[in-house]
Full PDB file with SEQRES, HELIX, SHEET, SSBOND, CRYST1, ORIGX, SCALE, CONECT and MASTER records, all heavy atoms in Angstrom:
SEQRES   1 A   44  GLU PRO VAL PRO SER GLY GLU LEU VAL LYS LEU CYS GLU          
SEQRES   2 A   44  LYS LYS LEU LYS TRP LYS LYS SER THR THR TYR THR VAL          
SEQRES   3 A   44  LEU ARG LYS LEU CYS GLU LYS GLY LEU PHE GLN ASN GLN          
SEQRES   4 A   44  ASN GLY VAL VAL THR                                          
HELIX    1 AA1 SER A    5  LEU A   16  1                                  12    
HELIX    2 AA2 LYS A   20  GLU A   32  1                                  13    
SHEET    1 AA1 3 VAL A   3  PRO A   4  0                                        
SHEET    2 AA1 3 VAL A  42  VAL A  43 -1                                        
SHEET    3 AA1 3 ASN A  38  GLN A  39 -1                                        
CRYST1    1.000    1.000    1.000  90.00  90.00  90.00 P 1           1          
ORIGX1      1.000000  0.000000  0.000000        0.00000                         
ORIGX2      0.000000  1.000000  0.000000        0.00000                         
ORIGX3      0.000000  0.000000  1.000000        0.00000                         
SCALE1      1.000000  0.000000  0.000000        0.00000                         
SCALE2      0.000000  1.000000  0.000000        0.00000                         
SCALE3      0.000000  0.000000  1.000000        0.00000                         
ATOM      1  N   GLU A   1      82.434  68.022  53.129  1.00  0.00           N  
ATOM      2  CA  GLU A   1      83.849  67.591  53.107  1.00  0.00           C  
ATOM      3  C   GLU A   1      84.274  67.052  51.753  1.00  0.00           C  
ATOM      4  O   GLU A   1      83.416  66.504  51.035  1.00  0.00           O  
ATOM      5  CB  GLU A   1      84.118  66.580  54.214  1.00  0.00           C  
ATOM      6  CG  GLU A   1      83.518  65.205  53.998  1.00  0.00           C  
ATOM      7  CD  GLU A   1      83.957  64.243  55.072  1.00  0.00           C  
ATOM      8  OE1 GLU A   1      85.162  64.168  55.398  1.00  0.00           O  
ATOM      9  OE2 GLU A   1      83.099  63.514  55.588  1.00  0.00           O  
ATOM     10  N   PRO A   2      85.528  67.185  51.416  1.00  0.00           N  
ATOM     11  CA  PRO A   2      86.547  67.968  52.126  1.00  0.00           C  
ATOM     12  C   PRO A   2      86.247  69.468  51.988  1.00  0.00           C  
ATOM     13  O   PRO A   2      85.889  69.930  50.909  1.00  0.00           O  
ATOM     14  CB  PRO A   2      87.850  67.610  51.422  1.00  0.00           C  
ATOM     15  CG  PRO A   2      87.430  67.204  50.042  1.00  0.00           C  
ATOM     16  CD  PRO A   2      86.055  66.614  50.183  1.00  0.00           C  
ATOM     17  N   VAL A   3      86.375  70.173  53.099  1.00  0.00           N  
ATOM     18  CA  VAL A   3      86.023  71.590  53.106  1.00  0.00           C  
ATOM     19  C   VAL A   3      87.196  72.418  53.639  1.00  0.00           C  
ATOM     20  O   VAL A   3      87.721  72.104  54.719  1.00  0.00           O  
ATOM     21  CB  VAL A   3      84.712  71.853  53.926  1.00  0.00           C  
ATOM     22  CG1 VAL A   3      84.849  71.411  55.352  1.00  0.00           C  
ATOM     23  CG2 VAL A   3      84.307  73.299  53.813  1.00  0.00           C  
ATOM     24  N   PRO A   4      87.643  73.407  52.870  1.00  0.00           N  
ATOM     25  CA  PRO A   4      88.672  74.299  53.389  1.00  0.00           C  
ATOM     26  C   PRO A   4      88.176  74.976  54.678  1.00  0.00           C  
ATOM     27  O   PRO A   4      87.010  75.357  54.783  1.00  0.00           O  
ATOM     28  CB  PRO A   4      88.885  75.313  52.274  1.00  0.00           C  
ATOM     29  CG  PRO A   4      88.365  74.649  51.029  1.00  0.00           C  
ATOM     30  CD  PRO A   4      87.242  73.773  51.520  1.00  0.00           C  
ATOM     31  N   SER A   5      89.079  75.133  55.642  1.00  0.00           N  
ATOM     32  CA  SER A   5      88.657  75.688  56.935  1.00  0.00           C  
ATOM     33  C   SER A   5      88.078  77.079  56.792  1.00  0.00           C  
ATOM     34  O   SER A   5      87.130  77.451  57.508  1.00  0.00           O  
ATOM     35  CB  SER A   5      89.795  75.659  57.944  1.00  0.00           C  
ATOM     36  OG  SER A   5      90.905  76.363  57.459  1.00  0.00           O  
ATOM     37  N   GLY A   6      88.575  77.874  55.876  1.00  0.00           N  
ATOM     38  CA  GLY A   6      88.012  79.226  55.653  1.00  0.00           C  
ATOM     39  C   GLY A   6      86.588  79.172  55.163  1.00  0.00           C  
ATOM     40  O   GLY A   6      85.729  79.966  55.562  1.00  0.00           O  
ATOM     41  N   GLU A   7      86.298  78.190  54.266  1.00  0.00           N  
ATOM     42  CA  GLU A   7      84.932  78.020  53.803  1.00  0.00           C  
ATOM     43  C   GLU A   7      84.018  77.516  54.929  1.00  0.00           C  
ATOM     44  O   GLU A   7      82.863  77.906  55.003  1.00  0.00           O  
ATOM     45  CB  GLU A   7      84.904  77.034  52.615  1.00  0.00           C  
ATOM     46  CG  GLU A   7      83.545  76.891  51.963  1.00  0.00           C  
ATOM     47  CD  GLU A   7      83.568  75.925  50.787  1.00  0.00           C  
ATOM     48  OE1 GLU A   7      84.576  75.879  50.063  1.00  0.00           O  
ATOM     49  OE2 GLU A   7      82.557  75.232  50.589  1.00  0.00           O  
ATOM     50  N   LEU A   8      84.591  76.650  55.782  1.00  0.00           N  
ATOM     51  CA  LEU A   8      83.815  76.136  56.919  1.00  0.00           C  
ATOM     52  C   LEU A   8      83.428  77.293  57.847  1.00  0.00           C  
ATOM     53  O   LEU A   8      82.299  77.325  58.352  1.00  0.00           O  
ATOM     54  CB  LEU A   8      84.617  75.081  57.680  1.00  0.00           C  
ATOM     55  CG  LEU A   8      83.918  74.400  58.827  1.00  0.00           C  
ATOM     56  CD1 LEU A   8      82.646  73.696  58.381  1.00  0.00           C  
ATOM     57  CD2 LEU A   8      84.870  73.368  59.472  1.00  0.00           C  
ATOM     58  N   VAL A   9      84.330  78.232  58.048  1.00  0.00           N  
ATOM     59  CA  VAL A   9      84.026  79.414  58.875  1.00  0.00           C  
ATOM     60  C   VAL A   9      82.840  80.160  58.263  1.00  0.00           C  
ATOM     61  O   VAL A   9      81.903  80.558  58.991  1.00  0.00           O  
ATOM     62  CB  VAL A   9      85.257  80.333  58.992  1.00  0.00           C  
ATOM     63  CG1 VAL A   9      84.877  81.708  59.565  1.00  0.00           C  
ATOM     64  CG2 VAL A   9      86.321  79.685  59.861  1.00  0.00           C  
ATOM     65  N   LYS A  10      82.839  80.350  56.943  1.00  0.00           N  
ATOM     66  CA  LYS A  10      81.754  81.063  56.279  1.00  0.00           C  
ATOM     67  C   LYS A  10      80.441  80.278  56.376  1.00  0.00           C  
ATOM     68  O   LYS A  10      79.366  80.868  56.598  1.00  0.00           O  
ATOM     69  CB  LYS A  10      82.092  81.315  54.826  1.00  0.00           C  
ATOM     70  CG  LYS A  10      83.208  82.333  54.628  1.00  0.00           C  
ATOM     71  CD  LYS A  10      83.612  82.467  53.173  1.00  0.00           C  
ATOM     72  CE  LYS A  10      84.787  83.405  53.035  1.00  0.00           C  
ATOM     73  NZ  LYS A  10      85.361  83.390  51.694  1.00  0.00           N  
ATOM     74  N   LEU A  11      80.507  78.954  56.227  1.00  0.00           N  
ATOM     75  CA  LEU A  11      79.292  78.127  56.371  1.00  0.00           C  
ATOM     76  C   LEU A  11      78.718  78.227  57.771  1.00  0.00           C  
ATOM     77  O   LEU A  11      77.494  78.367  57.941  1.00  0.00           O  
ATOM     78  CB  LEU A  11      79.628  76.656  56.093  1.00  0.00           C  
ATOM     79  CG  LEU A  11      79.745  76.226  54.636  1.00  0.00           C  
ATOM     80  CD1 LEU A  11      80.395  74.857  54.521  1.00  0.00           C  
ATOM     81  CD2 LEU A  11      78.387  76.220  53.970  1.00  0.00           C  
ATOM     82  N   CYS A  12      79.574  78.199  58.782  1.00  0.00           N  
ATOM     83  CA  CYS A  12      79.110  78.280  60.152  1.00  0.00           C  
ATOM     84  C   CYS A  12      78.558  79.657  60.484  1.00  0.00           C  
ATOM     85  O   CYS A  12      77.601  79.780  61.237  1.00  0.00           O  
ATOM     86  CB  CYS A  12      80.242  77.918  61.125  1.00  0.00           C  
ATOM     87  SG  CYS A  12      80.652  76.180  61.091  1.00  0.00           S  
ATOM     88  N   GLU A  13      79.140  80.682  59.874  1.00  0.00           N  
ATOM     89  CA  GLU A  13      78.623  82.041  60.063  1.00  0.00           C  
ATOM     90  C   GLU A  13      77.208  82.133  59.485  1.00  0.00           C  
ATOM     91  O   GLU A  13      76.294  82.667  60.115  1.00  0.00           O  
ATOM     92  CB  GLU A  13      79.532  83.038  59.409  1.00  0.00           C  
ATOM     93  CG  GLU A  13      79.128  84.472  59.611  1.00  0.00           C  
ATOM     94  CD  GLU A  13      80.088  85.453  58.933  1.00  0.00           C  
ATOM     95  OE1 GLU A  13      80.875  85.041  58.059  1.00  0.00           O  
ATOM     96  OE2 GLU A  13      80.027  86.658  59.285  1.00  0.00           O  
ATOM     97  N   LYS A  14      77.051  81.569  58.279  1.00  0.00           N  
ATOM     98  CA  LYS A  14      75.743  81.649  57.608  1.00  0.00           C  
ATOM     99  C   LYS A  14      74.701  80.750  58.239  1.00  0.00           C  
ATOM    100  O   LYS A  14      73.571  81.182  58.509  1.00  0.00           O  
ATOM    101  CB  LYS A  14      75.948  81.260  56.133  1.00  0.00           C  
ATOM    102  CG  LYS A  14      74.707  81.314  55.305  1.00  0.00           C  
ATOM    103  CD  LYS A  14      74.997  80.931  53.852  1.00  0.00           C  
ATOM    104  CE  LYS A  14      73.729  80.902  53.022  1.00  0.00           C  
ATOM    105  NZ  LYS A  14      73.989  80.454  51.669  1.00  0.00           N  
ATOM    106  N   LYS A  15      75.049  79.493  58.493  1.00  0.00           N  
ATOM    107  CA  LYS A  15      74.068  78.509  58.958  1.00  0.00           C  
ATOM    108  C   LYS A  15      73.856  78.508  60.468  1.00  0.00           C  
ATOM    109  O   LYS A  15      72.758  78.232  60.940  1.00  0.00           O  
ATOM    110  CB  LYS A  15      74.509  77.099  58.540  1.00  0.00           C  
ATOM    111  CG  LYS A  15      74.696  76.900  57.057  1.00  0.00           C  
ATOM    112  CD  LYS A  15      73.408  76.598  56.383  1.00  0.00           C  
ATOM    113  CE  LYS A  15      73.665  76.243  54.911  1.00  0.00           C  
ATOM    114  NZ  LYS A  15      72.457  76.006  54.200  1.00  0.00           N  
ATOM    115  N   LEU A  16      74.927  78.801  61.237  1.00  0.00           N  
ATOM    116  CA  LEU A  16      74.842  78.709  62.690  1.00  0.00           C  
ATOM    117  C   LEU A  16      74.985  80.044  63.398  1.00  0.00           C  
ATOM    118  O   LEU A  16      74.879  80.118  64.620  1.00  0.00           O  
ATOM    119  CB  LEU A  16      75.911  77.730  63.199  1.00  0.00           C  
ATOM    120  CG  LEU A  16      75.876  76.332  62.590  1.00  0.00           C  
ATOM    121  CD1 LEU A  16      77.076  75.516  63.051  1.00  0.00           C  
ATOM    122  CD2 LEU A  16      74.572  75.602  62.935  1.00  0.00           C  
ATOM    123  N   LYS A  17      75.260  81.111  62.609  1.00  0.00           N  
ATOM    124  CA  LYS A  17      75.484  82.462  63.188  1.00  0.00           C  
ATOM    125  C   LYS A  17      76.663  82.500  64.114  1.00  0.00           C  
ATOM    126  O   LYS A  17      76.652  83.187  65.152  1.00  0.00           O  
ATOM    127  CB  LYS A  17      74.204  82.951  63.918  1.00  0.00           C  
ATOM    128  CG  LYS A  17      72.929  82.856  63.112  1.00  0.00           C  
ATOM    129  CD  LYS A  17      72.928  83.743  61.901  1.00  0.00           C  
ATOM    130  CE  LYS A  17      71.595  83.708  61.200  1.00  0.00           C  
ATOM    131  NZ  LYS A  17      71.658  83.405  59.788  1.00  0.00           N  
ATOM    132  N   TRP A  18      77.698  81.746  63.793  1.00  0.00           N  
ATOM    133  CA  TRP A  18      78.897  81.668  64.621  1.00  0.00           C  
ATOM    134  C   TRP A  18      79.960  82.659  64.163  1.00  0.00           C  
ATOM    135  O   TRP A  18      80.071  82.996  62.992  1.00  0.00           O  
ATOM    136  CB  TRP A  18      79.525  80.286  64.566  1.00  0.00           C  
ATOM    137  CG  TRP A  18      78.802  79.221  65.294  1.00  0.00           C  
ATOM    138  CD1 TRP A  18      77.610  79.316  65.953  1.00  0.00           C  
ATOM    139  CD2 TRP A  18      79.207  77.862  65.399  1.00  0.00           C  
ATOM    140  NE1 TRP A  18      77.258  78.096  66.468  1.00  0.00           N  
ATOM    141  CE2 TRP A  18      78.209  77.190  66.153  1.00  0.00           C  
ATOM    142  CE3 TRP A  18      80.277  77.142  64.923  1.00  0.00           C  
ATOM    143  CZ2 TRP A  18      78.307  75.849  66.456  1.00  0.00           C  
ATOM    144  CZ3 TRP A  18      80.379  75.799  65.216  1.00  0.00           C  
ATOM    145  CH2 TRP A  18      79.390  75.134  65.981  1.00  0.00           C  
ATOM    146  N   LYS A  19      80.807  83.050  65.137  1.00  0.00           N  
ATOM    147  CA  LYS A  19      81.995  83.826  64.839  1.00  0.00           C  
ATOM    148  C   LYS A  19      83.123  82.821  64.474  1.00  0.00           C  
ATOM    149  O   LYS A  19      83.037  81.639  64.785  1.00  0.00           O  
ATOM    150  CB  LYS A  19      82.422  84.659  66.040  1.00  0.00           C  
ATOM    151  CG  LYS A  19      81.416  85.734  66.378  1.00  0.00           C  
ATOM    152  CD  LYS A  19      81.876  86.577  67.537  1.00  0.00           C  
ATOM    153  CE  LYS A  19      80.834  87.649  67.811  1.00  0.00           C  
ATOM    154  NZ  LYS A  19      81.199  88.457  68.954  1.00  0.00           N  
ATOM    155  N   LYS A  20      84.128  83.360  63.825  1.00  0.00           N  
ATOM    156  CA  LYS A  20      85.266  82.527  63.413  1.00  0.00           C  
ATOM    157  C   LYS A  20      85.860  81.747  64.598  1.00  0.00           C  
ATOM    158  O   LYS A  20      86.151  80.556  64.482  1.00  0.00           O  
ATOM    159  CB  LYS A  20      86.341  83.429  62.774  1.00  0.00           C  
ATOM    160  CG  LYS A  20      87.560  82.724  62.321  1.00  0.00           C  
ATOM    161  CD  LYS A  20      88.535  83.751  61.692  1.00  0.00           C  
ATOM    162  CE  LYS A  20      89.806  83.090  61.223  1.00  0.00           C  
ATOM    163  NZ  LYS A  20      90.729  84.066  60.589  1.00  0.00           N  
ATOM    164  N   SER A  21      86.006  82.417  65.734  1.00  0.00           N  
ATOM    165  CA  SER A  21      86.615  81.769  66.892  1.00  0.00           C  
ATOM    166  C   SER A  21      85.792  80.586  67.377  1.00  0.00           C  
ATOM    167  O   SER A  21      86.334  79.560  67.808  1.00  0.00           O  
ATOM    168  CB  SER A  21      86.827  82.785  68.017  1.00  0.00           C  
ATOM    169  OG  SER A  21      85.577  83.345  68.412  1.00  0.00           O  
ATOM    170  N   THR A  22      84.480  80.696  67.313  1.00  0.00           N  
ATOM    171  CA  THR A  22      83.600  79.609  67.731  1.00  0.00           C  
ATOM    172  C   THR A  22      83.804  78.393  66.836  1.00  0.00           C  
ATOM    173  O   THR A  22      83.905  77.250  67.308  1.00  0.00           O  
ATOM    174  CB  THR A  22      82.128  80.045  67.739  1.00  0.00           C  
ATOM    175  OG1 THR A  22      81.979  81.195  68.561  1.00  0.00           O  
ATOM    176  CG2 THR A  22      81.217  78.930  68.221  1.00  0.00           C  
ATOM    177  N   THR A  23      83.853  78.635  65.525  1.00  0.00           N  
ATOM    178  CA  THR A  23      84.032  77.550  64.574  1.00  0.00           C  
ATOM    179  C   THR A  23      85.344  76.819  64.875  1.00  0.00           C  
ATOM    180  O   THR A  23      85.354  75.592  64.949  1.00  0.00           O  
ATOM    181  CB  THR A  23      84.054  78.103  63.129  1.00  0.00           C  
ATOM    182  OG1 THR A  23      82.770  78.662  62.851  1.00  0.00           O  
ATOM    183  CG2 THR A  23      84.327  76.980  62.124  1.00  0.00           C  
ATOM    184  N   TYR A  24      86.421  77.566  65.062  1.00  0.00           N  
ATOM    185  CA  TYR A  24      87.708  76.920  65.284  1.00  0.00           C  
ATOM    186  C   TYR A  24      87.767  76.217  66.649  1.00  0.00           C  
ATOM    187  O   TYR A  24      88.428  75.199  66.772  1.00  0.00           O  
ATOM    188  CB  TYR A  24      88.865  77.921  65.116  1.00  0.00           C  
ATOM    189  CG  TYR A  24      89.181  78.158  63.654  1.00  0.00           C  
ATOM    190  CD1 TYR A  24      88.945  79.383  63.068  1.00  0.00           C  
ATOM    191  CD2 TYR A  24      89.697  77.130  62.859  1.00  0.00           C  
ATOM    192  CE1 TYR A  24      89.229  79.597  61.704  1.00  0.00           C  
ATOM    193  CE2 TYR A  24      89.978  77.314  61.510  1.00  0.00           C  
ATOM    194  CZ  TYR A  24      89.731  78.555  60.949  1.00  0.00           C  
ATOM    195  OH  TYR A  24      90.002  78.753  59.621  1.00  0.00           O  
ATOM    196  N   THR A  25      87.072  76.752  67.633  1.00  0.00           N  
ATOM    197  CA  THR A  25      87.035  76.081  68.949  1.00  0.00           C  
ATOM    198  C   THR A  25      86.317  74.738  68.850  1.00  0.00           C  
ATOM    199  O   THR A  25      86.809  73.728  69.344  1.00  0.00           O  
ATOM    200  CB  THR A  25      86.333  76.975  69.998  1.00  0.00           C  
ATOM    201  OG1 THR A  25      87.109  78.171  70.159  1.00  0.00           O  
ATOM    202  CG2 THR A  25      86.213  76.270  71.337  1.00  0.00           C  
ATOM    203  N   VAL A  26      85.149  74.740  68.203  1.00  0.00           N  
ATOM    204  CA  VAL A  26      84.389  73.477  68.049  1.00  0.00           C  
ATOM    205  C   VAL A  26      85.150  72.506  67.171  1.00  0.00           C  
ATOM    206  O   VAL A  26      85.235  71.296  67.480  1.00  0.00           O  
ATOM    207  CB  VAL A  26      82.974  73.752  67.512  1.00  0.00           C  
ATOM    208  CG1 VAL A  26      82.233  72.452  67.230  1.00  0.00           C  
ATOM    209  CG2 VAL A  26      82.183  74.610  68.510  1.00  0.00           C  
ATOM    210  N   LEU A  27      85.753  72.989  66.099  1.00  0.00           N  
ATOM    211  CA  LEU A  27      86.548  72.132  65.218  1.00  0.00           C  
ATOM    212  C   LEU A  27      87.689  71.487  66.018  1.00  0.00           C  
ATOM    213  O   LEU A  27      87.926  70.289  65.912  1.00  0.00           O  
ATOM    214  CB  LEU A  27      87.086  72.922  64.041  1.00  0.00           C  
ATOM    215  CG  LEU A  27      88.034  72.155  63.100  1.00  0.00           C  
ATOM    216  CD1 LEU A  27      87.343  70.938  62.498  1.00  0.00           C  
ATOM    217  CD2 LEU A  27      88.534  73.079  62.007  1.00  0.00           C  
ATOM    218  N   ARG A  28      88.392  72.277  66.795  1.00  0.00           N  
ATOM    219  CA  ARG A  28      89.515  71.758  67.589  1.00  0.00           C  
ATOM    220  C   ARG A  28      89.056  70.663  68.541  1.00  0.00           C  
ATOM    221  O   ARG A  28      89.674  69.618  68.642  1.00  0.00           O  
ATOM    222  CB  ARG A  28      90.189  72.889  68.366  1.00  0.00           C  
ATOM    223  CG  ARG A  28      91.395  72.425  69.199  1.00  0.00           C  
ATOM    224  CD  ARG A  28      92.034  73.559  69.962  1.00  0.00           C  
ATOM    225  NE  ARG A  28      91.115  74.426  70.674  1.00  0.00           N  
ATOM    226  CZ  ARG A  28      90.530  74.129  71.831  1.00  0.00           C  
ATOM    227  NH1 ARG A  28      90.718  72.974  72.411  1.00  0.00           N  
ATOM    228  NH2 ARG A  28      89.695  75.005  72.399  1.00  0.00           N  
ATOM    229  N   LYS A  29      87.938  70.890  69.192  1.00  0.00           N  
ATOM    230  CA  LYS A  29      87.407  69.891  70.141  1.00  0.00           C  
ATOM    231  C   LYS A  29      87.047  68.586  69.426  1.00  0.00           C  
ATOM    232  O   LYS A  29      87.328  67.492  69.942  1.00  0.00           O  
ATOM    233  CB  LYS A  29      86.203  70.451  70.910  1.00  0.00           C  
ATOM    234  CG  LYS A  29      86.593  71.489  71.931  1.00  0.00           C  
ATOM    235  CD  LYS A  29      85.407  72.006  72.667  1.00  0.00           C  
ATOM    236  CE  LYS A  29      85.850  73.077  73.675  1.00  0.00           C  
ATOM    237  NZ  LYS A  29      84.743  73.619  74.445  1.00  0.00           N  
ATOM    238  N   LEU A  30      86.444  68.702  68.255  1.00  0.00           N  
ATOM    239  CA  LEU A  30      86.034  67.483  67.523  1.00  0.00           C  
ATOM    240  C   LEU A  30      87.248  66.788  66.895  1.00  0.00           C  
ATOM    241  O   LEU A  30      87.227  65.573  66.693  1.00  0.00           O  
ATOM    242  CB  LEU A  30      84.933  67.775  66.533  1.00  0.00           C  
ATOM    243  CG  LEU A  30      83.619  68.214  67.164  1.00  0.00           C  
ATOM    244  CD1 LEU A  30      82.538  68.403  66.111  1.00  0.00           C  
ATOM    245  CD2 LEU A  30      83.153  67.216  68.209  1.00  0.00           C  
ATOM    246  N   CYS A  31      88.284  67.556  66.589  1.00  0.00           N  
ATOM    247  CA  CYS A  31      89.535  66.942  66.122  1.00  0.00           C  
ATOM    248  C   CYS A  31      90.186  66.179  67.288  1.00  0.00           C  
ATOM    249  O   CYS A  31      90.679  65.079  67.089  1.00  0.00           O  
ATOM    250  CB  CYS A  31      90.488  68.002  65.574  1.00  0.00           C  
ATOM    251  SG  CYS A  31      90.006  68.647  63.941  1.00  0.00           S  
ATOM    252  N   GLU A  32      90.161  66.771  68.466  1.00  0.00           N  
ATOM    253  CA  GLU A  32      90.728  66.113  69.653  1.00  0.00           C  
ATOM    254  C   GLU A  32      89.963  64.826  69.990  1.00  0.00           C  
ATOM    255  O   GLU A  32      90.544  63.865  70.448  1.00  0.00           O  
ATOM    256  CB  GLU A  32      90.695  67.053  70.863  1.00  0.00           C  
ATOM    257  CG  GLU A  32      91.699  68.185  70.771  1.00  0.00           C  
ATOM    258  CD  GLU A  32      91.515  69.250  71.844  1.00  0.00           C  
ATOM    259  OE1 GLU A  32      90.587  69.135  72.684  1.00  0.00           O  
ATOM    260  OE2 GLU A  32      92.323  70.212  71.842  1.00  0.00           O  
ATOM    261  N   LYS A  33      88.664  64.808  69.720  1.00  0.00           N  
ATOM    262  CA  LYS A  33      87.858  63.595  69.959  1.00  0.00           C  
ATOM    263  C   LYS A  33      88.077  62.544  68.877  1.00  0.00           C  
ATOM    264  O   LYS A  33      87.593  61.423  69.008  1.00  0.00           O  
ATOM    265  CB  LYS A  33      86.367  63.969  69.989  1.00  0.00           C  
ATOM    266  CG  LYS A  33      85.938  64.707  71.246  1.00  0.00           C  
ATOM    267  CD  LYS A  33      84.439  64.942  71.223  1.00  0.00           C  
ATOM    268  CE  LYS A  33      83.946  65.570  72.519  1.00  0.00           C  
ATOM    269  NZ  LYS A  33      82.486  65.598  72.583  1.00  0.00           N  
ATOM    270  N   GLY A  34      88.757  62.911  67.800  1.00  0.00           N  
ATOM    271  CA  GLY A  34      89.029  61.965  66.733  1.00  0.00           C  
ATOM    272  C   GLY A  34      87.955  61.852  65.670  1.00  0.00           C  
ATOM    273  O   GLY A  34      87.967  60.910  64.872  1.00  0.00           O  
ATOM    274  N   LEU A  35      87.053  62.801  65.626  1.00  0.00           N  
ATOM    275  CA  LEU A  35      85.972  62.765  64.626  1.00  0.00           C  
ATOM    276  C   LEU A  35      86.421  63.401  63.296  1.00  0.00           C  
ATOM    277  O   LEU A  35      86.105  62.866  62.235  1.00  0.00           O  
ATOM    278  CB  LEU A  35      84.735  63.481  65.162  1.00  0.00           C  
ATOM    279  CG  LEU A  35      83.485  63.392  64.317  1.00  0.00           C  
ATOM    280  CD1 LEU A  35      83.013  61.951  64.166  1.00  0.00           C  
ATOM    281  CD2 LEU A  35      82.364  64.236  64.926  1.00  0.00           C  
ATOM    282  N   PHE A  36      87.160  64.501  63.386  1.00  0.00           N  
ATOM    283  CA  PHE A  36      87.619  65.210  62.208  1.00  0.00           C  
ATOM    284  C   PHE A  36      89.111  65.466  62.271  1.00  0.00           C  
ATOM    285  O   PHE A  36      89.720  65.329  63.332  1.00  0.00           O  
ATOM    286  CB  PHE A  36      86.889  66.564  62.069  1.00  0.00           C  
ATOM    287  CG  PHE A  36      85.390  66.435  61.928  1.00  0.00           C  
ATOM    288  CD1 PHE A  36      84.551  66.978  62.874  1.00  0.00           C  
ATOM    289  CD2 PHE A  36      84.841  65.748  60.853  1.00  0.00           C  
ATOM    290  CE1 PHE A  36      83.178  66.852  62.760  1.00  0.00           C  
ATOM    291  CE2 PHE A  36      83.476  65.601  60.724  1.00  0.00           C  
ATOM    292  CZ  PHE A  36      82.626  66.168  61.673  1.00  0.00           C  
ATOM    293  N   GLN A  37      89.653  65.888  61.154  1.00  0.00           N  
ATOM    294  CA  GLN A  37      91.033  66.355  61.101  1.00  0.00           C  
ATOM    295  C   GLN A  37      91.093  67.608  60.255  1.00  0.00           C  
ATOM    296  O   GLN A  37      90.300  67.792  59.349  1.00  0.00           O  
ATOM    297  CB  GLN A  37      91.971  65.279  60.557  1.00  0.00           C  
ATOM    298  CG  GLN A  37      91.728  64.910  59.100  1.00  0.00           C  
ATOM    299  CD  GLN A  37      92.679  63.819  58.614  1.00  0.00           C  
ATOM    300  OE1 GLN A  37      93.562  63.408  59.334  1.00  0.00           O  
ATOM    301  NE2 GLN A  37      92.448  63.355  57.412  1.00  0.00           N  
ATOM    302  N   ASN A  38      92.037  68.470  60.596  1.00  0.00           N  
ATOM    303  CA  ASN A  38      92.272  69.701  59.851  1.00  0.00           C  
ATOM    304  C   ASN A  38      93.730  69.687  59.409  1.00  0.00           C  
ATOM    305  O   ASN A  38      94.630  70.015  60.170  1.00  0.00           O  
ATOM    306  CB  ASN A  38      91.981  70.918  60.735  1.00  0.00           C  
ATOM    307  CG  ASN A  38      92.091  72.222  59.980  1.00  0.00           C  
ATOM    308  OD1 ASN A  38      92.346  72.243  58.798  1.00  0.00           O  
ATOM    309  ND2 ASN A  38      91.914  73.323  60.687  1.00  0.00           N  
ATOM    310  N   GLN A  39      93.936  69.237  58.185  1.00  0.00           N  
ATOM    311  CA  GLN A  39      95.297  69.140  57.660  1.00  0.00           C  
ATOM    312  C   GLN A  39      95.478  70.115  56.513  1.00  0.00           C  
ATOM    313  O   GLN A  39      94.704  70.095  55.552  1.00  0.00           O  
ATOM    314  CB  GLN A  39      95.584  67.710  57.161  1.00  0.00           C  
ATOM    315  CG  GLN A  39      95.730  66.711  58.313  1.00  0.00           C  
ATOM    316  CD  GLN A  39      96.249  65.386  57.812  1.00  0.00           C  
ATOM    317  OE1 GLN A  39      95.881  64.913  56.745  1.00  0.00           O  
ATOM    318  NE2 GLN A  39      97.098  64.770  58.612  1.00  0.00           N  
ATOM    319  N   ASN A  40      96.499  70.935  56.654  1.00  0.00           N  
ATOM    320  CA  ASN A  40      96.802  71.925  55.639  1.00  0.00           C  
ATOM    321  C   ASN A  40      95.587  72.811  55.314  1.00  0.00           C  
ATOM    322  O   ASN A  40      95.368  73.182  54.143  1.00  0.00           O  
ATOM    323  CB  ASN A  40      97.346  71.268  54.368  1.00  0.00           C  
ATOM    324  CG  ASN A  40      98.606  70.477  54.656  1.00  0.00           C  
ATOM    325  OD1 ASN A  40      99.477  70.925  55.377  1.00  0.00           O  
ATOM    326  ND2 ASN A  40      98.693  69.295  54.078  1.00  0.00           N  
ATOM    327  N   GLY A  41      94.788  73.109  56.324  1.00  0.00           N  
ATOM    328  CA  GLY A  41      93.630  73.982  56.134  1.00  0.00           C  
ATOM    329  C   GLY A  41      92.445  73.325  55.466  1.00  0.00           C  
ATOM    330  O   GLY A  41      91.513  74.015  55.049  1.00  0.00           O  
ATOM    331  N   VAL A  42      92.438  71.991  55.369  1.00  0.00           N  
ATOM    332  CA  VAL A  42      91.291  71.278  54.788  1.00  0.00           C  
ATOM    333  C   VAL A  42      90.752  70.327  55.859  1.00  0.00           C  
ATOM    334  O   VAL A  42      91.482  69.496  56.404  1.00  0.00           O  
ATOM    335  CB  VAL A  42      91.711  70.503  53.540  1.00  0.00           C  
ATOM    336  CG1 VAL A  42      90.530  69.723  52.985  1.00  0.00           C  
ATOM    337  CG2 VAL A  42      92.238  71.453  52.446  1.00  0.00           C  
ATOM    338  N   VAL A  43      89.456  70.442  56.099  1.00  0.00           N  
ATOM    339  CA  VAL A  43      88.800  69.628  57.131  1.00  0.00           C  
ATOM    340  C   VAL A  43      88.128  68.417  56.475  1.00  0.00           C  
ATOM    341  O   VAL A  43      87.370  68.570  55.514  1.00  0.00           O  
ATOM    342  CB  VAL A  43      87.730  70.484  57.903  1.00  0.00           C  
ATOM    343  CG1 VAL A  43      87.036  69.648  58.942  1.00  0.00           C  
ATOM    344  CG2 VAL A  43      88.387  71.712  58.515  1.00  0.00           C  
ATOM    345  N   THR A  44      88.444  67.266  57.016  1.00  0.00           N  
ATOM    346  CA  THR A  44      87.822  66.000  56.569  1.00  0.00           C  
ATOM    347  C   THR A  44      87.481  65.185  57.810  1.00  0.00           C  
ATOM    348  O   THR A  44      87.971  65.432  58.902  1.00  0.00           O  
ATOM    349  CB  THR A  44      88.769  65.186  55.679  1.00  0.00           C  
ATOM    350  OG1 THR A  44      89.989  64.950  56.367  1.00  0.00           O  
ATOM    351  CG2 THR A  44      89.055  65.894  54.367  1.00  0.00           C  
TER     352      THR A  44                                                      
MASTER        0    0    0    2    3    0    0    6  351    1    0    4          
END                                                                             
């Protein structure tokens, strides 16, 4: 962090073997829990 969401998708694909949709689903859930935020395409 701070990591652009597109770069995060690539990191998750490489490190976790995830598809783009999986990354965004997990990110959304953790944003809802208050752990992260995705503002203007940058995750912190």
